[in-house]
Amino acid sequence: GGTGIGCIGPTGGFAALSGLGELGRASYVIHPKYGLTNRAMWMHITNFPIVPTKPIDFGGREFCKTCKICAEACPFGAIKTGDPTWEDDTIYGNPGFLGWRCNYDLCPHCPVCQGTC
């Protein structure tokens, strides 16, 4: 057995570190098979004896550099088309990594970016 605690945090970063995918342009984890459909994830801190997994590199992040289809399809302009940056000028952003950030002030969490990825 073990104890588990559900928590809130930068799920994209934790998901990428655990090997579920890579952080993409829409600020969500891109899964090699399911694309952006893993937008919302739950995190749990536990002492349960789970075998750790490692981050993966399947080329998703590199693909996002030139694709931009999610940003172009976003009806709210919440996804940027520029290069990855260390800067985070959004109110709900996740600083401290080189990547893209979704402007959550503009994003109502509609599924348009997920459907186009």
PDB file of N, CA and C in Angstrom:
ATOM      1  N   GLY A   1       0.806  -1.178   0.000  1.00  0.00           N
ATOM      2  CA  GLY A   1       0.000   0.000   0.000  1.00  0.00           C
ATOM      3  C   GLY A   1       0.851   1.244   0.000  1.00  0.00           C
ATOM      4  N   GLY A   2       0.169   2.351   0.048  1.00  0.00           N
ATOM      5  CA  GLY A   2       0.843   3.634   0.067  1.00  0.00           C
ATOM      6  C   GLY A   2      -0.150   4.752   0.247  1.00  0.00           C
ATOM      7  N   THR A   3       0.370   5.940   0.411  1.00  0.00           N
ATOM      8  CA  THR A   3      -0.446   7.125   0.580  1.00  0.00           C
ATOM      9  C   THR A   3      -0.300   8.003  -0.654  1.00  0.00           C
ATOM     10  N   GLY A   4      -1.396   8.575  -1.116  1.00  0.00           N
ATOM     11  CA  GLY A   4      -1.350   9.465  -2.270  1.00  0.00           C
ATOM     12  C   GLY A   4      -2.068  10.765  -1.978  1.00  0.00           C
ATOM     13  N   ILE A   5      -1.521  11.849  -2.478  1.00  0.00           N
ATOM     14  CA  ILE A   5      -2.113  13.165  -2.297  1.00  0.00           C
ATOM     15  C   ILE A   5      -2.269  13.805  -3.671  1.00  0.00           C
ATOM     16  N   GLY A   6      -3.494  14.160  -4.029  1.00  0.00           N
ATOM     17  CA  GLY A   6      -3.719  14.873  -5.277  1.00  0.00           C
ATOM     18  C   GLY A   6      -3.232  16.303  -5.137  1.00  0.00           C
ATOM     19  N   CYS A   7      -2.661  16.860  -6.178  1.00  0.00           N
ATOM     20  CA  CYS A   7      -2.122  18.214  -6.077  1.00  0.00           C
ATOM     21  C   CYS A   7      -2.270  18.965  -7.393  1.00  0.00           C
ATOM     22  N   ILE A   8      -2.109  20.260  -7.301  1.00  0.00           N
ATOM     23  CA  ILE A   8      -2.182  21.138  -8.460  1.00  0.00           C
ATOM     24  C   ILE A   8      -0.793  21.701  -8.709  1.00  0.00           C
ATOM     25  N   GLY A   9      -0.418  21.817  -9.959  1.00  0.00           N
ATOM     26  CA  GLY A   9       0.883  22.374 -10.310  1.00  0.00           C
ATOM     27  C   GLY A   9       1.020  22.405 -11.809  1.00  0.00           C
ATOM     28  N   PRO A  10       2.215  22.674 -12.297  1.00  0.00           N
ATOM     29  CA  PRO A  10       2.430  22.710 -13.750  1.00  0.00           C
ATOM     30  C   PRO A  10       2.394  21.303 -14.342  1.00  0.00           C
ATOM     31  N   THR A  11       1.200  20.814 -14.638  1.00  0.00           N
ATOM     32  CA  THR A  11       1.044  19.428 -15.078  1.00  0.00           C
ATOM     33  C   THR A  11       1.806  19.125 -16.354  1.00  0.00           C
ATOM     34  N   GLY A  12       1.935  20.098 -17.245  1.00  0.00           N
ATOM     35  CA  GLY A  12       2.687  19.867 -18.477  1.00  0.00           C
ATOM     36  C   GLY A  12       4.133  19.521 -18.202  1.00  0.00           C
ATOM     37  N   GLY A  13       4.751  20.262 -17.319  1.00  0.00           N
ATOM     38  CA  GLY A  13       6.144  20.001 -16.966  1.00  0.00           C
ATOM     39  C   GLY A  13       6.334  18.655 -16.304  1.00  0.00           C
ATOM     40  N   PHE A  14       5.467  18.342 -15.358  1.00  0.00           N
ATOM     41  CA  PHE A  14       5.563  17.049 -14.683  1.00  0.00           C
ATOM     42  C   PHE A  14       5.277  15.900 -15.641  1.00  0.00           C
ATOM     43  N   ALA A  15       4.320  16.095 -16.542  1.00  0.00           N
ATOM     44  CA  ALA A  15       4.002  15.050 -17.519  1.00  0.00           C
ATOM     45  C   ALA A  15       5.180  14.806 -18.452  1.00  0.00           C
ATOM     46  N   ALA A  16       5.834  15.885 -18.883  1.00  0.00           N
ATOM     47  CA  ALA A  16       7.001  15.729 -19.760  1.00  0.00           C
ATOM     48  C   ALA A  16       8.144  15.034 -19.024  1.00  0.00           C
ATOM     49  N   LEU A  17       8.367  15.414 -17.780  1.00  0.00           N
ATOM     50  CA  LEU A  17       9.440  14.785 -17.002  1.00  0.00           C
ATOM     51  C   LEU A  17       9.162  13.312 -16.729  1.00  0.00           C
ATOM     52  N   SER A  18       7.892  12.932 -16.682  1.00  0.00           N
ATOM     53  CA  SER A  18       7.554  11.534 -16.402  1.00  0.00           C
ATOM     54  C   SER A  18       7.452  10.682 -17.664  1.00  0.00           C
ATOM     55  N   GLY A  19       7.666  11.285 -18.831  1.00  0.00           N
ATOM     56  CA  GLY A  19       7.691  10.502 -20.058  1.00  0.00           C
ATOM     57  C   GLY A  19       6.372  10.361 -20.781  1.00  0.00           C
ATOM     58  N   LEU A  20       5.375  11.184 -20.440  1.00  0.00           N
ATOM     59  CA  LEU A  20       4.085  11.098 -21.135  1.00  0.00           C
ATOM     60  C   LEU A  20       4.094  11.796 -22.487  1.00  0.00           C
ATOM     61  N   GLY A  21       5.084  12.630 -22.728  1.00  0.00           N
ATOM     62  CA  GLY A  21       5.172  13.346 -23.994  1.00  0.00           C
ATOM     63  C   GLY A  21       6.161  14.479 -23.889  1.00  0.00           C
ATOM     64  N   GLU A  22       6.025  15.454 -24.779  1.00  0.00           N
ATOM     65  CA  GLU A  22       6.893  16.630 -24.796  1.00  0.00           C
ATOM     66  C   GLU A  22       6.035  17.888 -24.721  1.00  0.00           C
ATOM     67  N   LEU A  23       6.570  18.937 -24.126  1.00  0.00           N
ATOM     68  CA  LEU A  23       5.848  20.204 -24.085  1.00  0.00           C
ATOM     69  C   LEU A  23       5.821  20.822 -25.473  1.00  0.00           C
ATOM     70  N   GLY A  24       4.625  21.189 -25.914  1.00  0.00           N
ATOM     71  CA  GLY A  24       4.474  21.738 -27.251  1.00  0.00           C
ATOM     72  C   GLY A  24       4.066  23.197 -27.257  1.00  0.00           C
ATOM     73  N   ARG A  25       3.792  23.704 -28.433  1.00  0.00           N
ATOM     74  CA  ARG A  25       3.475  25.112 -28.641  1.00  0.00           C
ATOM     75  C   ARG A  25       2.261  25.576 -27.840  1.00  0.00           C
ATOM     76  N   ALA A  26       1.264  24.758 -27.677  1.00  0.00           N
ATOM     77  CA  ALA A  26       0.049  25.157 -26.964  1.00  0.00           C
ATOM     78  C   ALA A  26       0.209  25.102 -25.446  1.00  0.00           C
ATOM     79  N   SER A  27       1.407  24.870 -24.962  1.00  0.00           N
ATOM     80  CA  SER A  27       1.723  24.770 -23.529  1.00  0.00           C
ATOM     81  C   SER A  27       1.189  23.492 -22.895  1.00  0.00           C
ATOM     82  N   TYR A  28       0.763  22.560 -23.703  1.00  0.00           N
ATOM     83  CA  TYR A  28       0.295  21.273 -23.208  1.00  0.00           C
ATOM     84  C   TYR A  28       1.278  20.196 -23.631  1.00  0.00           C
ATOM     85  N   VAL A  29       1.143  19.043 -23.030  1.00  0.00           N
ATOM     86  CA  VAL A  29       1.996  17.924 -23.418  1.00  0.00           C
ATOM     87  C   VAL A  29       1.476  17.317 -24.714  1.00  0.00           C
ATOM     88  N   ILE A  30       2.382  17.090 -25.639  1.00  0.00           N
ATOM     89  CA  ILE A  30       2.045  16.411 -26.888  1.00  0.00           C
ATOM     90  C   ILE A  30       2.420  14.950 -26.718  1.00  0.00           C
ATOM     91  N   HIS A  31       1.457  14.081 -26.875  1.00  0.00           N
ATOM     92  CA  HIS A  31       1.686  12.642 -26.785  1.00  0.00           C
ATOM     93  C   HIS A  31       2.019  12.135 -28.186  1.00  0.00           C
ATOM     94  N   PRO A  32       2.941  11.169 -28.307  1.00  0.00           N
ATOM     95  CA  PRO A  32       3.315  10.684 -29.641  1.00  0.00           C
ATOM     96  C   PRO A  32       2.150  10.106 -30.443  1.00  0.00           C
ATOM     97  N   LYS A  33       1.145   9.576 -29.776  1.00  0.00           N
ATOM     98  CA  LYS A  33       0.005   8.980 -30.478  1.00  0.00           C
ATOM     99  C   LYS A  33      -1.241   9.865 -30.419  1.00  0.00           C
ATOM    100  N   TYR A  34      -1.467  10.532 -29.289  1.00  0.00           N
ATOM    101  CA  TYR A  34      -2.721  11.244 -29.062  1.00  0.00           C
ATOM    102  C   TYR A  34      -2.625  12.761 -29.202  1.00  0.00           C
ATOM    103  N   GLY A  35      -1.473  13.276 -29.584  1.00  0.00           N
ATOM    104  CA  GLY A  35      -1.332  14.717 -29.773  1.00  0.00           C
ATOM    105  C   GLY A  35      -1.611  15.499 -28.503  1.00  0.00           C
ATOM    106  N   LEU A  36      -2.437  16.536 -28.617  1.00  0.00           N
ATOM    107  CA  LEU A  36      -2.746  17.411 -27.480  1.00  0.00           C
ATOM    108  C   LEU A  36      -3.939  16.955 -26.650  1.00  0.00           C
ATOM    109  N   THR A  37      -4.447  15.783 -26.883  1.00  0.00           N
ATOM    110  CA  THR A  37      -5.665  15.367 -26.180  1.00  0.00           C
ATOM    111  C   THR A  37      -5.453  15.088 -24.699  1.00  0.00           C
ATOM    112  N   ASN A  38      -4.227  15.147 -24.227  1.00  0.00           N
ATOM    113  CA  ASN A  38      -3.947  14.963 -22.797  1.00  0.00           C
ATOM    114  C   ASN A  38      -3.780  16.309 -22.108  1.00  0.00           C
ATOM    115  N   ARG A  39      -4.614  17.261 -22.451  1.00  0.00           N
ATOM    116  CA  ARG A  39      -4.454  18.626 -21.946  1.00  0.00           C
ATOM    117  C   ARG A  39      -4.588  18.709 -20.429  1.00  0.00           C
ATOM    118  N   ALA A  40      -5.563  18.086 -19.862  1.00  0.00           N
ATOM    119  CA  ALA A  40      -5.778  18.157 -18.417  1.00  0.00           C
ATOM    120  C   ALA A  40      -5.365  16.839 -17.777  1.00  0.00           C
ATOM    121  N   MET A  41      -4.480  16.926 -16.820  1.00  0.00           N
ATOM    122  CA  MET A  41      -3.992  15.734 -16.125  1.00  0.00           C
ATOM    123  C   MET A  41      -4.000  15.983 -14.627  1.00  0.00           C
ATOM    124  N   TRP A  42      -4.084  14.923 -13.883  1.00  0.00           N
ATOM    125  CA  TRP A  42      -4.014  15.019 -12.428  1.00  0.00           C
ATOM    126  C   TRP A  42      -2.650  14.567 -11.960  1.00  0.00           C
ATOM    127  N   MET A  43      -2.153  15.224 -10.948  1.00  0.00           N
ATOM    128  CA  MET A  43      -0.870  14.833 -10.363  1.00  0.00           C
ATOM    129  C   MET A  43      -1.120  14.292  -8.966  1.00  0.00           C
ATOM    130  N   HIS A  44      -0.322  13.330  -8.607  1.00  0.00           N
ATOM    131  CA  HIS A  44      -0.406  12.760  -7.268  1.00  0.00           C
ATOM    132  C   HIS A  44       0.997  12.564  -6.724  1.00  0.00           C
ATOM    133  N   ILE A  45       1.180  12.984  -5.504  1.00  0.00           N
ATOM    134  CA  ILE A  45       2.424  12.710  -4.795  1.00  0.00           C
ATOM    135  C   ILE A  45       2.152  11.485  -3.938  1.00  0.00           C
ATOM    136  N   THR A  46       3.032  10.510  -4.012  1.00  0.00           N
ATOM    137  CA  THR A  46       2.779   9.264  -3.301  1.00  0.00           C
ATOM    138  C   THR A  46       4.061   8.641  -2.777  1.00  0.00           C
ATOM    139  N   ASN A  47       3.892   7.805  -1.785  1.00  0.00           N
ATOM    140  CA  ASN A  47       5.017   6.992  -1.320  1.00  0.00           C
ATOM    141  C   ASN A  47       4.842   5.544  -1.785  1.00  0.00           C
ATOM    142  N   PHE A  48       3.878   5.337  -2.678  1.00  0.00           N
ATOM    143  CA  PHE A  48       3.651   4.019  -3.248  1.00  0.00           C
ATOM    144  C   PHE A  48       4.862   3.642  -4.104  1.00  0.00           C
ATOM    145  N   PRO A  49       5.326   2.416  -4.027  1.00  0.00           N
ATOM    146  CA  PRO A  49       6.540   2.029  -4.761  1.00  0.00           C
ATOM    147  C   PRO A  49       6.287   1.887  -6.268  1.00  0.00           C
ATOM    148  N   ILE A  50       6.368   3.002  -6.974  1.00  0.00           N
ATOM    149  CA  ILE A  50       6.150   3.030  -8.420  1.00  0.00           C
ATOM    150  C   ILE A  50       7.501   3.129  -9.118  1.00  0.00           C
ATOM    151  N   VAL A  51       7.672   2.370 -10.176  1.00  0.00           N
ATOM    152  CA  VAL A  51       8.908   2.428 -10.950  1.00  0.00           C
ATOM    153  C   VAL A  51       8.928   3.750 -11.725  1.00  0.00           C
ATOM    154  N   PRO A  52       9.963   4.566 -11.551  1.00  0.00           N
ATOM    155  CA  PRO A  52      10.004   5.847 -12.261  1.00  0.00           C
ATOM    156  C   PRO A  52      10.198   5.671 -13.764  1.00  0.00           C
ATOM    157  N   THR A  53       9.670   6.607 -14.515  1.00  0.00           N
ATOM    158  CA  THR A  53       9.852   6.620 -15.964  1.00  0.00           C
ATOM    159  C   THR A  53      10.657   7.859 -16.339  1.00  0.00           C
ATOM    160  N   LYS A  54      11.277   7.826 -17.507  1.00  0.00           N
ATOM    161  CA  LYS A  54      12.149   8.916 -17.938  1.00  0.00           C
ATOM    162  C   LYS A  54      11.481   9.740 -19.034  1.00  0.00           C
ATOM    163  N   PRO A  55      11.907  11.001 -19.179  1.00  0.00           N
ATOM    164  CA  PRO A  55      11.389  11.821 -20.282  1.00  0.00           C
ATOM    165  C   PRO A  55      11.674  11.176 -21.636  1.00  0.00           C
ATOM    166  N   ILE A  56      10.824  11.482 -22.603  1.00  0.00           N
ATOM    167  CA  ILE A  56      11.006  10.942 -23.952  1.00  0.00           C
ATOM    168  C   ILE A  56      11.252  12.080 -24.940  1.00  0.00           C
ATOM    169  N   ASP A  57      11.844  11.752 -26.060  1.00  0.00           N
ATOM    170  CA  ASP A  57      12.046  12.698 -27.154  1.00  0.00           C
ATOM    171  C   ASP A  57      11.616  11.991 -28.436  1.00  0.00           C
ATOM    172  N   PHE A  58      10.405  12.297 -28.898  1.00  0.00           N
ATOM    173  CA  PHE A  58       9.916  11.672 -30.129  1.00  0.00           C
ATOM    174  C   PHE A  58       9.873  12.676 -31.277  1.00  0.00           C
ATOM    175  N   GLY A  59      10.383  13.898 -31.037  1.00  0.00           N
ATOM    176  CA  GLY A  59      10.423  14.920 -32.074  1.00  0.00           C
ATOM    177  C   GLY A  59       9.240  15.867 -32.074  1.00  0.00           C
ATOM    178  N   GLY A  60       8.355  15.749 -31.092  1.00  0.00           N
ATOM    179  CA  GLY A  60       7.172  16.600 -31.036  1.00  0.00           C
ATOM    180  C   GLY A  60       7.498  18.070 -30.864  1.00  0.00           C
ATOM    181  N   ARG A  61       8.385  18.370 -29.952  1.00  0.00           N
ATOM    182  CA  ARG A  61       8.780  19.763 -29.711  1.00  0.00           C
ATOM    183  C   ARG A  61       9.425  20.364 -30.961  1.00  0.00           C
ATOM    184  N   GLU A  62      10.268  19.599 -31.597  1.00  0.00           N
ATOM    185  CA  GLU A  62      10.923  20.068 -32.822  1.00  0.00           C
ATOM    186  C   GLU A  62       9.888  20.312 -33.925  1.00  0.00           C
ATOM    187  N   PHE A  63       8.890  19.444 -34.023  1.00  0.00           N
ATOM    188  CA  PHE A  63       7.817  19.596 -35.002  1.00  0.00           C
ATOM    189  C   PHE A  63       7.029  20.888 -34.753  1.00  0.00           C
ATOM    190  N   CYS A  64       6.786  21.199 -33.472  1.00  0.00           N
ATOM    191  CA  CYS A  64       6.025  22.400 -33.112  1.00  0.00           C
ATOM    192  C   CYS A  64       6.709  23.691 -33.562  1.00  0.00           C
ATOM    193  N   LYS A  65       8.022  23.660 -33.695  1.00  0.00           N
ATOM    194  CA  LYS A  65       8.747  24.871 -34.097  1.00  0.00           C
ATOM    195  C   LYS A  65       8.275  25.396 -35.447  1.00  0.00           C
ATOM    196  N   THR A  66       7.907  24.501 -36.350  1.00  0.00           N
ATOM    197  CA  THR A  66       7.497  24.938 -37.683  1.00  0.00           C
ATOM    198  C   THR A  66       6.012  24.732 -37.976  1.00  0.00           C
ATOM    199  N   CYS A  67       5.337  23.888 -37.235  1.00  0.00           N
ATOM    200  CA  CYS A  67       3.943  23.569 -37.548  1.00  0.00           C
ATOM    201  C   CYS A  67       3.009  24.770 -37.337  1.00  0.00           C
ATOM    202  N   LYS A  68       2.846  25.217 -36.131  1.00  0.00           N
ATOM    203  CA  LYS A  68       2.033  26.390 -35.765  1.00  0.00           C
ATOM    204  C   LYS A  68       0.543  26.259 -36.056  1.00  0.00           C
ATOM    205  N   ILE A  69       0.055  25.079 -36.425  1.00  0.00           N
ATOM    206  CA  ILE A  69      -1.357  24.941 -36.794  1.00  0.00           C
ATOM    207  C   ILE A  69      -2.285  25.223 -35.607  1.00  0.00           C
ATOM    208  N   CYS A  70      -1.874  24.855 -34.404  1.00  0.00           N
ATOM    209  CA  CYS A  70      -2.714  25.123 -33.233  1.00  0.00           C
ATOM    210  C   CYS A  70      -2.834  26.627 -32.990  1.00  0.00           C
ATOM    211  N   ALA A  71      -1.718  27.359 -33.152  1.00  0.00           N
ATOM    212  CA  ALA A  71      -1.731  28.811 -32.964  1.00  0.00           C
ATOM    213  C   ALA A  71      -2.577  29.494 -34.032  1.00  0.00           C
ATOM    214  N   GLU A  72      -2.467  29.037 -35.255  1.00  0.00           N
ATOM    215  CA  GLU A  72      -3.240  29.630 -36.344  1.00  0.00           C
ATOM    216  C   GLU A  72      -4.728  29.326 -36.208  1.00  0.00           C
ATOM    217  N   ALA A  73      -5.062  28.177 -35.637  1.00  0.00           N
ATOM    218  CA  ALA A  73      -6.463  27.784 -35.490  1.00  0.00           C
ATOM    219  C   ALA A  73      -7.122  28.374 -34.248  1.00  0.00           C
ATOM    220  N   CYS A  74      -6.339  28.809 -33.275  1.00  0.00           N
ATOM    221  CA  CYS A  74      -6.902  29.315 -32.019  1.00  0.00           C
ATOM    222  C   CYS A  74      -7.749  30.558 -32.282  1.00  0.00           C
ATOM    223  N   PRO A  75      -9.063  30.484 -32.031  1.00  0.00           N
ATOM    224  CA  PRO A  75      -9.929  31.625 -32.320  1.00  0.00           C
ATOM    225  C   PRO A  75      -9.737  32.791 -31.350  1.00  0.00           C
ATOM    226  N   PHE A  76      -8.974  32.584 -30.284  1.00  0.00           N
ATOM    227  CA  PHE A  76      -8.791  33.608 -29.261  1.00  0.00           C
ATOM    228  C   PHE A  76      -7.395  34.227 -29.276  1.00  0.00           C
ATOM    229  N   GLY A  77      -6.504  33.717 -30.128  1.00  0.00           N
ATOM    230  CA  GLY A  77      -5.148  34.238 -30.193  1.00  0.00           C
ATOM    231  C   GLY A  77      -4.334  33.964 -28.946  1.00  0.00           C
ATOM    232  N   ALA A  78      -4.649  32.893 -28.253  1.00  0.00           N
ATOM    233  CA  ALA A  78      -3.975  32.588 -26.988  1.00  0.00           C
ATOM    234  C   ALA A  78      -2.649  31.863 -27.167  1.00  0.00           C
ATOM    235  N   ILE A  79      -2.420  31.280 -28.347  1.00  0.00           N
ATOM    236  CA  ILE A  79      -1.200  30.507 -28.593  1.00  0.00           C
ATOM    237  C   ILE A  79      -0.292  31.312 -29.517  1.00  0.00           C
ATOM    238  N   LYS A  80       0.930  31.536 -29.080  1.00  0.00           N
ATOM    239  CA  LYS A  80       1.866  32.379 -29.831  1.00  0.00           C
ATOM    240  C   LYS A  80       2.514  31.613 -30.982  1.00  0.00           C
ATOM    241  N   THR A  81       2.863  32.351 -32.034  1.00  0.00           N
ATOM    242  CA  THR A  81       3.507  31.736 -33.199  1.00  0.00           C
ATOM    243  C   THR A  81       5.019  31.921 -33.197  1.00  0.00           C
ATOM    244  N   GLY A  82       5.553  32.658 -32.247  1.00  0.00           N
ATOM    245  CA  GLY A  82       6.988  32.935 -32.206  1.00  0.00           C
ATOM    246  C   GLY A  82       7.817  31.749 -31.741  1.00  0.00           C
ATOM    247  N   ASP A  83       9.080  32.031 -31.527  1.00  0.00           N
ATOM    248  CA  ASP A  83      10.028  31.013 -31.074  1.00  0.00           C
ATOM    249  C   ASP A  83       9.856  30.738 -29.583  1.00  0.00           C
ATOM    250  N   PRO A  84      10.345  29.582 -29.111  1.00  0.00           N
ATOM    251  CA  PRO A  84      10.336  29.317 -27.672  1.00  0.00           C
ATOM    252  C   PRO A  84      11.128  30.410 -26.944  1.00  0.00           C
ATOM    253  N   THR A  85      10.735  30.720 -25.736  1.00  0.00           N
ATOM    254  CA  THR A  85      11.376  31.782 -24.976  1.00  0.00           C
ATOM    255  C   THR A  85      11.456  31.427 -23.495  1.00  0.00           C
ATOM    256  N   TRP A  86      12.370  32.074 -22.813  1.00  0.00           N
ATOM    257  CA  TRP A  86      12.453  31.948 -21.353  1.00  0.00           C
ATOM    258  C   TRP A  86      11.487  32.919 -20.691  1.00  0.00           C
ATOM    259  N   GLU A  87      11.053  33.925 -21.433  1.00  0.00           N
ATOM    260  CA  GLU A  87      10.178  34.963 -20.889  1.00  0.00           C
ATOM    261  C   GLU A  87       8.766  34.427 -20.695  1.00  0.00           C
ATOM    262  N   ASP A  88       8.134  34.903 -19.643  1.00  0.00           N
ATOM    263  CA  ASP A  88       6.746  34.530 -19.390  1.00  0.00           C
ATOM    264  C   ASP A  88       5.995  35.784 -18.986  1.00  0.00           C
ATOM    265  N   ASP A  89       5.220  36.322 -19.905  1.00  0.00           N
ATOM    266  CA  ASP A  89       4.500  37.559 -19.641  1.00  0.00           C
ATOM    267  C   ASP A  89       3.008  37.323 -19.396  1.00  0.00           C
ATOM    268  N   THR A  90       2.650  36.100 -19.024  1.00  0.00           N
ATOM    269  CA  THR A  90       1.243  35.784 -18.786  1.00  0.00           C
ATOM    270  C   THR A  90       0.979  35.640 -17.290  1.00  0.00           C
ATOM    271  N   ILE A  91      -0.231  35.929 -16.885  1.00  0.00           N
ATOM    272  CA  ILE A  91      -0.571  35.932 -15.467  1.00  0.00           C
ATOM    273  C   ILE A  91      -0.545  34.527 -14.843  1.00  0.00           C
ATOM    274  N   TYR A  92      -0.917  33.521 -15.603  1.00  0.00           N
ATOM    275  CA  TYR A  92      -0.950  32.157 -15.073  1.00  0.00           C
ATOM    276  C   TYR A  92       0.168  31.298 -15.644  1.00  0.00           C
ATOM    277  N   GLY A  93       1.237  31.906 -16.062  1.00  0.00           N
ATOM    278  CA  GLY A  93       2.300  31.201 -16.761  1.00  0.00           C
ATOM    279  C   GLY A  93       3.159  30.318 -15.876  1.00  0.00           C
ATOM    280  N   ASN A  94       4.047  29.629 -16.525  1.00  0.00           N
ATOM    281  CA  ASN A  94       5.004  28.751 -15.854  1.00  0.00           C
ATOM    282  C   ASN A  94       6.409  29.206 -16.219  1.00  0.00           C
ATOM    283  N   PRO A  95       7.036  30.035 -15.391  1.00  0.00           N
ATOM    284  CA  PRO A  95       8.388  30.494 -15.701  1.00  0.00           C
ATOM    285  C   PRO A  95       9.422  29.403 -15.463  1.00  0.00           C
ATOM    286  N   GLY A  96      10.631  29.650 -15.942  1.00  0.00           N
ATOM    287  CA  GLY A  96      11.737  28.761 -15.617  1.00  0.00           C
ATOM    288  C   GLY A  96      12.059  27.696 -16.636  1.00  0.00           C
ATOM    289  N   PHE A  97      11.514  27.790 -17.844  1.00  0.00           N
ATOM    290  CA  PHE A  97      11.867  26.821 -18.882  1.00  0.00           C
ATOM    291  C   PHE A  97      11.809  27.501 -20.245  1.00  0.00           C
ATOM    292  N   LEU A  98      12.557  26.966 -21.172  1.00  0.00           N
ATOM    293  CA  LEU A  98      12.556  27.472 -22.538  1.00  0.00           C
ATOM    294  C   LEU A  98      11.427  26.785 -23.296  1.00  0.00           C
ATOM    295  N   GLY A  99      10.407  27.529 -23.642  1.00  0.00           N
ATOM    296  CA  GLY A  99       9.273  26.930 -24.330  1.00  0.00           C
ATOM    297  C   GLY A  99       8.248  27.972 -24.721  1.00  0.00           C
ATOM    298  N   TRP A 100       7.095  27.505 -25.138  1.00  0.00           N
ATOM    299  CA  TRP A 100       5.989  28.373 -25.507  1.00  0.00           C
ATOM    300  C   TRP A 100       5.018  28.420 -24.339  1.00  0.00           C
ATOM    301  N   ARG A 101       4.278  29.501 -24.262  1.00  0.00           N
ATOM    302  CA  ARG A 101       3.297  29.644 -23.198  1.00  0.00           C
ATOM    303  C   ARG A 101       1.959  30.092 -23.777  1.00  0.00           C
ATOM    304  N   CYS A 102       0.923  29.459 -23.321  1.00  0.00           N
ATOM    305  CA  CYS A 102      -0.430  29.842 -23.712  1.00  0.00           C
ATOM    306  C   CYS A 102      -0.851  31.024 -22.836  1.00  0.00           C
ATOM    307  N   ASN A 103      -1.534  31.994 -23.417  1.00  0.00           N
ATOM    308  CA  ASN A 103      -2.052  33.111 -22.641  1.00  0.00           C
ATOM    309  C   ASN A 103      -3.412  32.692 -22.080  1.00  0.00           C
ATOM    310  N   TYR A 104      -3.412  32.267 -20.830  1.00  0.00           N
ATOM    311  CA  TYR A 104      -4.636  31.747 -20.227  1.00  0.00           C
ATOM    312  C   TYR A 104      -5.642  32.838 -19.893  1.00  0.00           C
ATOM    313  N   ASP A 105      -5.251  34.109 -20.001  1.00  0.00           N
ATOM    314  CA  ASP A 105      -6.234  35.187 -19.897  1.00  0.00           C
ATOM    315  C   ASP A 105      -7.166  35.170 -21.101  1.00  0.00           C
ATOM    316  N   LEU A 106      -6.658  34.682 -22.231  1.00  0.00           N
ATOM    317  CA  LEU A 106      -7.444  34.630 -23.465  1.00  0.00           C
ATOM    318  C   LEU A 106      -8.052  33.254 -23.724  1.00  0.00           C
ATOM    319  N   CYS A 107      -7.447  32.212 -23.194  1.00  0.00           N
ATOM    320  CA  CYS A 107      -7.844  30.829 -23.488  1.00  0.00           C
ATOM    321  C   CYS A 107      -9.026  30.374 -22.625  1.00  0.00           C
ATOM    322  N   PRO A 108     -10.170  30.023 -23.237  1.00  0.00           N
ATOM    323  CA  PRO A 108     -11.297  29.504 -22.465  1.00  0.00           C
ATOM    324  C   PRO A 108     -11.289  27.972 -22.363  1.00  0.00           C
ATOM    325  N   HIS A 109     -10.198  27.353 -22.786  1.00  0.00           N
ATOM    326  CA  HIS A 109     -10.035  25.892 -22.778  1.00  0.00           C
ATOM    327  C   HIS A 109     -11.018  25.196 -23.720  1.00  0.00           C
ATOM    328  N   CYS A 110     -11.241  25.812 -24.867  1.00  0.00           N
ATOM    329  CA  CYS A 110     -12.032  25.151 -25.908  1.00  0.00           C
ATOM    330  C   CYS A 110     -11.144  24.066 -26.537  1.00  0.00           C
ATOM    331  N   PRO A 111     -11.664  23.133 -27.273  1.00  0.00           N
ATOM    332  CA  PRO A 111     -10.833  22.048 -27.814  1.00  0.00           C
ATOM    333  C   PRO A 111     -10.266  22.294 -29.210  1.00  0.00           C
ATOM    334  N   VAL A 112     -10.259  23.533 -29.704  1.00  0.00           N
ATOM    335  CA  VAL A 112      -9.821  23.784 -31.079  1.00  0.00           C
ATOM    336  C   VAL A 112      -8.369  23.377 -31.287  1.00  0.00           C
ATOM    337  N   CYS A 113      -7.470  23.773 -30.382  1.00  0.00           N
ATOM    338  CA  CYS A 113      -6.055  23.417 -30.564  1.00  0.00           C
ATOM    339  C   CYS A 113      -5.861  21.904 -30.512  1.00  0.00           C
ATOM    340  N   GLN A 114      -6.632  21.246 -29.658  1.00  0.00           N
ATOM    341  CA  GLN A 114      -6.526  19.788 -29.563  1.00  0.00           C
ATOM    342  C   GLN A 114      -6.961  19.119 -30.857  1.00  0.00           C
ATOM    343  N   GLY A 115      -8.015  19.617 -31.458  1.00  0.00           N
ATOM    344  CA  GLY A 115      -8.537  19.010 -32.674  1.00  0.00           C
ATOM    345  C   GLY A 115      -7.680  19.250 -33.902  1.00  0.00           C
ATOM    346  N   THR A 116      -6.865  20.300 -33.872  1.00  0.00           N
ATOM    347  CA  THR A 116      -6.034  20.591 -35.038  1.00  0.00           C
ATOM    348  C   THR A 116      -4.656  19.965 -34.949  1.00  0.00           C
ATOM    349  N   CYS A 117      -4.216  19.607 -33.751  1.00  0.00           N
ATOM    350  CA  CYS A 117      -2.866  19.060 -33.572  1.00  0.00           C
ATOM    351  C   CYS A 117      -2.778  17.653 -34.149  1.00  0.00           C
TER     352      CYS A 117
END
